[in-house]
Amino acid sequence: PALQKKGIRLARTLNPDSVFMYFNMQDPMVGGYAPDKVALRRALALAIDSQRIVNRLYRGQGIVAQSPIVPHTSGYDSAFKSEMSDHDPARAKALLDLYGYVDRDGDGIRETPAGQPLRVTMGSQSDQFSRGFNEVLQKNFRAIGVDLRFQVAQWPEQLKAARAGKLQIWSLGGSATVPDGQGSVARYESRQAGAQNFARFVSPEFDRLYEQLQRLP
């Protein structure tokens, strides 16, 4: 206020940024569209304490996302609440039990229905922020009986690997450059696999909706 009284105008910039994690849909462990694979990804998502990540790593400067659409872009609804943002280890465990991901040898790590250790690998970097992020995720996954390992490399190398579909799981961020929210959902279009569609997700139904979206004024 004191500066404003002197005729100095101040501006505060709010960036429409997002941080997201994706699963490689072509990976034999976490990918695929069968019910047990959907249940595994859902359980891993339920295990993640996103609010703790915001509080601890971003010092509370953020909100837990409820959809891919970022604030200040078309399609964003601040009142919308999705159960996909829930942190619920109990439900995660129940899902894994239901689909045969159980700890058969009592070592604290579940096995897949085929008998393999339920071990997943996430791409990561070696900086301090990434180490803090990894610590939270590893604790979250361990709490539901999943062994999380890390594949560490420099960010440009991870991006190249992600484009080539060589990472099982990775987390990265983006920022909206225009007010149109369409860019946020481009990550799901099948033709953009290897580009914005890091997960290599394929859904003909979504592709049809995306085509309709592009024709809107």
Protein backbone atom coordinates (compact mmCIF):
# COMPACT_ATOMS: atom_id res chain seq x y z
CA PRO A 1 0.00 0.00 0.00
CA ALA A 2 2.82 2.44 0.80
CA LEU A 3 4.31 1.98 -2.66
CA GLN A 4 0.93 2.36 -4.29
CA LYS A 5 0.42 5.71 -2.55
CA LYS A 6 3.63 6.89 -4.20
CA GLY A 7 2.20 6.07 -7.60
CA ILE A 8 4.01 2.75 -8.03
CA ARG A 9 1.68 0.10 -9.45
CA LEU A 10 2.21 -3.48 -8.30
CA ALA A 11 1.14 -6.64 -10.09
CA ARG A 12 0.91 -10.16 -8.77
CA THR A 13 1.23 -12.97 -11.29
CA LEU A 14 -0.68 -16.21 -10.76
CA ASN A 15 0.63 -18.95 -13.01
CA PRO A 16 -1.81 -21.62 -14.24
CA ASP A 17 0.72 -24.39 -13.59
CA SER A 18 0.05 -28.04 -12.89
CA VAL A 19 2.11 -30.99 -11.71
CA PHE A 20 0.91 -34.43 -12.75
CA MET A 21 1.97 -38.05 -12.64
CA TYR A 22 1.31 -40.47 -15.47
CA PHE A 23 1.38 -44.25 -15.86
CA ASN A 24 2.71 -45.75 -19.07
CA MET A 25 -0.36 -47.49 -20.50
CA GLN A 26 1.84 -49.82 -22.58
CA ASP A 27 3.86 -51.03 -19.59
CA PRO A 28 3.20 -54.69 -18.65
CA MET A 29 3.02 -53.91 -14.91
CA VAL A 30 1.05 -50.66 -14.59
CA GLY A 31 -0.43 -50.33 -18.09
CA GLY A 32 -3.37 -51.93 -19.84
CA TYR A 33 -7.13 -51.50 -19.67
CA ALA A 34 -8.16 -54.73 -17.90
CA PRO A 35 -10.05 -54.24 -14.61
CA ASP A 36 -7.13 -55.44 -12.48
CA LYS A 37 -4.78 -52.91 -14.12
CA VAL A 38 -7.29 -50.09 -13.65
CA ALA A 39 -7.62 -51.14 -9.99
CA LEU A 40 -3.83 -51.09 -9.53
CA ARG A 41 -3.48 -47.56 -10.90
CA ARG A 42 -6.47 -46.41 -8.87
CA ALA A 43 -4.94 -47.88 -5.71
CA LEU A 44 -1.61 -46.15 -6.35
CA ALA A 45 -3.43 -42.84 -6.88
CA LEU A 46 -5.41 -43.29 -3.66
CA ALA A 47 -2.16 -43.92 -1.79
CA ILE A 48 -0.65 -40.56 -2.76
CA ASP A 49 -1.03 -37.84 -0.13
CA SER A 50 -1.20 -34.88 -2.51
CA GLN A 51 -2.05 -32.38 0.22
CA ARG A 52 1.10 -33.35 2.12
CA ILE A 53 3.13 -32.80 -1.05
CA VAL A 54 1.59 -29.34 -1.46
CA ASN A 55 2.19 -28.44 2.18
CA ARG A 56 5.67 -29.86 2.52
CA LEU A 57 7.29 -29.32 -0.86
CA TYR A 58 5.38 -26.31 -2.17
CA ARG A 59 4.99 -24.67 1.27
CA GLY A 60 1.24 -24.62 0.87
CA GLN A 61 1.43 -22.56 -2.33
CA GLY A 62 -0.95 -24.66 -4.38
CA ILE A 63 -4.15 -26.66 -4.41
CA VAL A 64 -4.81 -30.34 -5.00
CA ALA A 65 -5.98 -30.77 -8.59
CA GLN A 66 -9.49 -32.07 -9.17
CA SER A 67 -9.19 -32.39 -12.95
CA PRO A 68 -6.63 -31.86 -15.72
CA ILE A 69 -8.06 -28.38 -16.37
CA VAL A 70 -5.94 -25.70 -14.68
CA PRO A 71 -7.26 -22.50 -13.05
CA HIS A 72 -7.74 -19.39 -15.22
CA THR A 73 -8.52 -21.46 -18.34
CA SER A 74 -11.83 -22.33 -19.97
CA GLY A 75 -13.51 -25.40 -18.55
CA TYR A 76 -12.09 -24.95 -15.05
CA ASP A 77 -14.68 -25.22 -12.27
CA SER A 78 -13.43 -24.20 -8.82
CA ALA A 79 -16.46 -25.90 -7.20
CA PHE A 80 -15.82 -29.29 -8.80
CA LYS A 81 -14.58 -32.05 -6.47
CA SER A 82 -13.43 -35.39 -7.85
CA GLU A 83 -12.91 -38.54 -5.81
CA MET A 84 -9.80 -39.11 -7.94
CA SER A 85 -8.04 -36.58 -5.70
CA ASP A 86 -8.76 -38.53 -2.49
CA HIS A 87 -6.00 -39.83 -0.24
CA ASP A 88 -7.45 -43.08 1.11
CA PRO A 89 -4.97 -45.90 1.87
CA ALA A 90 -7.75 -48.11 3.25
CA ARG A 91 -9.62 -48.06 -0.06
CA ALA A 92 -6.34 -48.60 -1.90
CA LYS A 93 -5.63 -51.74 0.13
CA ALA A 94 -9.15 -53.03 -0.38
CA LEU A 95 -8.85 -52.61 -4.15
CA LEU A 96 -5.54 -54.46 -4.25
CA ASP A 97 -6.94 -57.28 -2.12
CA LEU A 98 -10.00 -57.56 -4.34
CA TYR A 99 -7.94 -58.02 -7.51
CA GLY A 100 -5.41 -60.47 -6.11
CA TYR A 101 -2.51 -58.17 -5.26
CA VAL A 102 -1.73 -59.72 -1.87
CA ASP A 103 1.32 -60.29 0.30
CA ARG A 104 1.82 -64.03 0.01
CA ASP A 105 5.20 -64.36 1.74
CA GLY A 106 4.69 -61.91 4.61
CA ASP A 107 7.56 -59.56 3.72
CA GLY A 108 5.31 -56.47 3.64
CA ILE A 109 5.32 -56.23 -0.15
CA ARG A 110 2.37 -57.54 -2.12
CA GLU A 111 2.66 -59.85 -5.09
CA THR A 112 0.81 -59.60 -8.38
CA PRO A 113 -1.81 -62.24 -9.25
CA ALA A 114 0.98 -63.91 -11.26
CA GLY A 115 3.23 -64.08 -8.19
CA GLN A 116 5.70 -61.28 -9.01
CA PRO A 117 6.67 -58.72 -6.33
CA LEU A 118 4.49 -55.62 -6.69
CA ARG A 119 7.40 -53.35 -7.56
CA VAL A 120 6.99 -50.20 -9.64
CA THR A 121 9.67 -47.86 -10.97
CA MET A 122 9.38 -44.12 -11.32
CA GLY A 123 11.58 -41.76 -13.29
CA SER A 124 13.23 -39.10 -11.14
CA GLN A 125 15.97 -36.49 -10.98
CA SER A 126 18.77 -36.13 -8.44
CA ASP A 127 17.94 -32.63 -7.10
CA GLN A 128 16.82 -31.92 -3.55
CA PHE A 129 13.19 -31.25 -4.49
CA SER A 130 12.93 -34.59 -6.31
CA ARG A 131 14.42 -36.41 -3.33
CA GLY A 132 11.80 -34.89 -1.04
CA PHE A 133 9.03 -35.78 -3.49
CA ASN A 134 10.34 -39.34 -3.75
CA GLU A 135 10.45 -39.72 0.01
CA VAL A 136 6.76 -38.89 0.35
CA LEU A 137 5.73 -41.19 -2.51
CA GLN A 138 7.86 -44.08 -1.31
CA LYS A 139 6.32 -43.85 2.15
CA ASN A 140 2.79 -43.62 0.67
CA PHE A 141 3.28 -46.65 -1.57
CA ARG A 142 4.97 -48.70 1.13
CA ALA A 143 1.95 -48.09 3.39
CA ILE A 144 -0.21 -50.10 0.97
CA GLY A 145 2.39 -52.81 0.32
CA VAL A 146 3.92 -51.52 -2.92
CA ASP A 147 7.68 -51.33 -3.44
CA LEU A 148 8.58 -48.07 -5.24
CA ARG A 149 11.99 -47.78 -6.89
CA PHE A 150 13.51 -44.86 -8.78
CA GLN A 151 15.23 -44.54 -12.14
CA VAL A 152 17.37 -41.42 -11.73
CA ALA A 153 18.67 -39.30 -14.63
CA GLN A 154 18.87 -35.68 -15.71
CA TRP A 155 15.58 -34.06 -16.72
CA PRO A 156 16.33 -33.86 -20.47
CA GLU A 157 17.20 -37.56 -20.47
CA GLN A 158 13.98 -38.40 -18.65
CA LEU A 159 11.96 -36.36 -21.12
CA LYS A 160 13.53 -38.23 -24.02
CA ALA A 161 12.81 -41.56 -22.32
CA ALA A 162 9.23 -40.47 -21.60
CA ARG A 163 8.64 -39.55 -25.23
CA ALA A 164 9.92 -42.98 -26.24
CA GLY A 165 7.62 -44.76 -23.78
CA LYS A 166 10.51 -46.12 -21.69
CA LEU A 167 9.42 -44.84 -18.27
CA GLN A 168 6.90 -46.77 -16.22
CA ILE A 169 5.82 -43.77 -14.12
CA TRP A 170 6.99 -40.17 -14.15
CA SER A 171 5.92 -36.83 -12.72
CA LEU A 172 6.36 -33.53 -14.50
CA GLY A 173 4.66 -30.18 -14.81
CA GLY A 174 3.16 -27.86 -17.35
CA SER A 175 1.81 -24.36 -17.64
CA ALA A 176 -1.09 -23.03 -19.68
CA THR A 177 0.08 -20.45 -22.20
CA VAL A 178 -3.40 -19.44 -23.44
CA PRO A 179 -6.83 -19.10 -21.75
CA ASP A 180 -8.19 -22.09 -23.71
CA GLY A 181 -8.37 -25.18 -21.50
CA GLN A 182 -8.14 -27.52 -24.48
CA GLY A 183 -4.38 -27.88 -24.09
CA SER A 184 -4.82 -29.57 -20.72
CA VAL A 185 -6.80 -32.45 -22.21
CA ALA A 186 -4.57 -32.84 -25.26
CA ARG A 187 -2.51 -35.20 -23.08
CA TYR A 188 -5.22 -37.84 -23.61
CA GLU A 189 -5.50 -37.76 -27.40
CA SER A 190 -4.10 -40.93 -28.96
CA ARG A 191 -2.48 -39.10 -31.90
CA GLN A 192 -0.31 -37.22 -29.41
CA ALA A 193 1.25 -40.37 -27.96
CA GLY A 194 4.98 -39.74 -27.85
CA ALA A 195 4.32 -36.01 -27.52
CA GLN A 196 1.87 -34.44 -25.03
CA ASN A 197 0.26 -37.84 -24.39
CA PHE A 198 3.08 -39.18 -22.21
CA ALA A 199 0.88 -42.01 -20.91
CA ARG A 200 0.21 -43.29 -24.44
CA PHE A 201 -3.45 -43.47 -23.48
CA VAL A 202 -5.81 -44.66 -26.22
CA SER A 203 -9.57 -44.22 -26.15
CA PRO A 204 -11.57 -43.88 -29.39
CA GLU A 205 -14.42 -42.35 -27.38
CA PHE A 206 -12.15 -39.65 -25.99
CA ASP A 207 -10.66 -38.99 -29.43
CA ARG A 208 -14.15 -38.35 -30.81
CA LEU A 209 -14.89 -35.89 -28.01
CA TYR A 210 -11.56 -34.17 -28.56
CA GLU A 211 -12.38 -33.72 -32.25
CA GLN A 212 -15.69 -32.11 -31.28
CA LEU A 213 -13.88 -29.87 -28.82
CA GLN A 214 -11.56 -28.56 -31.51
CA ARG A 215 -14.52 -27.46 -33.62
CA LEU A 216 -16.05 -25.36 -30.85
CA PRO A 217 -15.67 -21.55 -31.17
